[in-house]
Amino acid sequence: MEKTDKKPKVLISDGANNFHETWRKEMWSQCGEGISPKHIRDIRMDGKVHNNKMERQNGEWRDREKAMCSLKKEDSLVIAGMQIFHNFLRPHMGLDGKTPAEAAGIKVEGESPWPTLIQNAVREQKNRTAKD
């Protein structure tokens, strides 16, 4: 809520009590009675409402964090790199082997995708700096 300056309408979690306690502490007390977000807490892997994508993403980040001996700061460049990898380079089974970028119609062209993305980012930064 602090980062977006918005109050969520729904909190979706599994049935673990820690989520409900956090919802009660953070959402109920800050939003006030009657306007608090709904807490859906009946999430199942095979259910109609699930958080499989989030759990997969969290697992990816935990695996990476362990290998790096923890991420020490919120604005770490590693986080941005992981976001780029996840969205532009990593194929997703749920997208029939496409990356989210490909599914959105964005194609990374070049022999090696990482250098291509870095070169494009540098070029874009130079263009923005030249405009200012």
Protein backbone atom coordinates (compact mmCIF):
# COMPACT_ATOMS: atom_id res chain seq x y z
CA MET A 1 0.00 0.00 0.00
CA GLU A 2 2.92 2.34 0.73
CA LYS A 3 4.63 1.78 -2.63
CA THR A 4 1.52 2.09 -4.80
CA ASP A 5 -0.40 4.54 -2.60
CA LYS A 6 -3.47 2.40 -3.27
CA LYS A 7 -5.49 0.04 -1.17
CA PRO A 8 -6.03 -3.44 -2.63
CA LYS A 9 -9.58 -4.63 -3.14
CA VAL A 10 -8.73 -8.29 -2.55
CA LEU A 11 -6.02 -10.25 -0.74
CA ILE A 12 -5.71 -13.79 -2.10
CA SER A 13 -3.87 -16.35 0.01
CA ASP A 14 -3.96 -19.96 1.04
CA GLY A 15 -5.59 -20.91 4.34
CA ALA A 16 -2.50 -20.30 6.48
CA ASN A 17 -3.34 -18.27 9.58
CA ASN A 18 -0.31 -15.98 9.18
CA PHE A 19 -1.88 -14.41 6.08
CA HIS A 20 -5.17 -13.75 7.84
CA GLU A 21 -3.37 -12.26 10.85
CA THR A 22 -1.40 -9.96 8.52
CA TRP A 23 -4.60 -9.03 6.66
CA ARG A 24 -6.29 -8.19 9.94
CA LYS A 25 -3.32 -6.18 11.22
CA GLU A 26 -2.37 -4.34 8.02
CA MET A 27 -5.50 -4.08 5.93
CA TRP A 28 -8.31 -3.94 8.48
CA SER A 29 -6.66 -1.42 10.76
CA GLN A 30 -5.42 0.87 7.96
CA CYS A 31 -8.51 0.76 5.78
CA GLY A 32 -11.16 0.81 8.48
CA GLU A 33 -14.20 -1.32 9.08
CA GLY A 34 -16.56 -1.68 6.13
CA ILE A 35 -13.99 -0.65 3.49
CA SER A 36 -11.40 -3.31 4.15
CA PRO A 37 -10.30 -5.49 1.22
CA LYS A 38 -11.84 -8.91 0.94
CA HIS A 39 -9.61 -11.79 2.06
CA ILE A 40 -10.02 -14.89 -0.11
CA ARG A 41 -8.28 -17.66 1.77
CA ASP A 42 -9.44 -20.83 0.10
CA ILE A 43 -6.66 -21.26 -2.45
CA ARG A 44 -5.82 -24.69 -3.82
CA MET A 45 -3.29 -25.72 -6.45
CA ASP A 46 -6.01 -27.38 -8.51
CA GLY A 47 -8.76 -24.92 -7.63
CA LYS A 48 -10.49 -22.31 -9.71
CA VAL A 49 -8.79 -19.56 -7.71
CA HIS A 50 -5.09 -20.21 -7.16
CA ASN A 51 -1.78 -18.45 -6.80
CA ASN A 52 0.39 -20.93 -8.70
CA LYS A 53 2.12 -18.22 -10.76
CA MET A 54 3.07 -16.23 -7.68
CA GLU A 55 4.32 -19.31 -5.84
CA ARG A 56 6.45 -20.26 -8.85
CA GLN A 57 7.90 -16.76 -9.03
CA ASN A 58 8.60 -16.74 -5.28
CA GLY A 59 10.39 -20.08 -5.63
CA GLU A 60 12.57 -18.70 -8.42
CA TRP A 61 13.52 -15.68 -6.32
CA ARG A 62 14.24 -17.79 -3.22
CA ASP A 63 16.50 -20.10 -5.24
CA ARG A 64 18.42 -17.13 -6.64
CA GLU A 65 18.67 -15.41 -3.27
CA LYS A 66 20.15 -18.53 -1.66
CA ALA A 67 22.83 -18.76 -4.35
CA MET A 68 23.73 -15.10 -3.82
CA CYS A 69 23.82 -15.31 -0.01
CA SER A 70 20.90 -12.90 0.30
CA LEU A 71 19.97 -9.68 -1.42
CA LYS A 72 20.91 -6.85 0.88
CA LYS A 73 19.03 -3.90 -0.58
CA GLU A 74 15.68 -3.33 -2.22
CA ASP A 75 17.03 -1.55 -5.31
CA SER A 76 19.62 -4.21 -6.14
CA LEU A 77 20.45 -4.50 -9.81
CA VAL A 78 20.10 -8.25 -9.42
CA ILE A 79 16.36 -7.79 -8.93
CA ALA A 80 16.06 -5.84 -12.17
CA GLY A 81 18.12 -8.51 -13.93
CA MET A 82 15.84 -11.25 -12.63
CA GLN A 83 12.80 -9.32 -13.85
CA ILE A 84 14.35 -8.96 -17.29
CA PHE A 85 15.27 -12.64 -17.37
CA HIS A 86 11.76 -13.67 -16.29
CA ASN A 87 9.97 -11.43 -18.79
CA PHE A 88 12.25 -11.50 -21.84
CA LEU A 89 14.37 -14.66 -21.73
CA ARG A 90 12.70 -17.43 -19.74
CA PRO A 91 10.12 -19.50 -21.63
CA HIS A 92 6.94 -20.23 -19.67
CA MET A 93 4.99 -23.46 -19.92
CA GLY A 94 1.76 -21.54 -19.36
CA LEU A 95 2.55 -19.49 -22.47
CA ASP A 96 3.26 -22.53 -24.67
CA GLY A 97 7.04 -22.11 -24.36
CA LYS A 98 7.01 -18.36 -25.09
CA THR A 99 8.41 -15.64 -22.89
CA PRO A 100 5.94 -13.05 -21.54
CA ALA A 101 7.53 -10.54 -23.93
CA GLU A 102 6.92 -12.83 -26.91
CA ALA A 103 3.34 -13.42 -25.77
CA ALA A 104 2.91 -9.63 -25.72
CA GLY A 105 4.32 -9.35 -29.26
CA ILE A 106 7.79 -8.14 -28.22
CA LYS A 107 10.60 -10.01 -29.92
CA VAL A 108 14.23 -9.84 -28.84
CA GLU A 109 16.24 -10.13 -32.02
CA GLY A 110 19.93 -10.85 -32.08
CA GLU A 111 22.43 -13.70 -31.76
CA SER A 112 22.50 -13.57 -28.00
CA PRO A 113 19.49 -12.12 -26.13
CA TRP A 114 21.30 -10.77 -23.04
CA PRO A 115 23.75 -8.54 -24.97
CA THR A 116 20.91 -7.44 -27.26
CA LEU A 117 18.79 -6.35 -24.29
CA ILE A 118 21.74 -4.55 -22.68
CA GLN A 119 22.62 -2.75 -25.93
CA ASN A 120 18.99 -1.69 -26.40
CA ALA A 121 18.81 -0.43 -22.81
CA VAL A 122 22.01 1.60 -23.22
CA ARG A 123 20.76 3.04 -26.52
CA GLU A 124 17.42 3.98 -24.92
CA GLN A 125 19.17 5.61 -21.95
CA LYS A 126 21.34 7.68 -24.33
CA ASN A 127 18.22 8.75 -26.27
CA ARG A 128 16.48 9.83 -23.07
CA THR A 129 19.53 11.72 -21.86
CA ALA A 130 19.86 13.51 -25.22
CA LYS A 131 16.19 14.61 -25.04
CA ASP A 132 16.65 16.12 -21.58
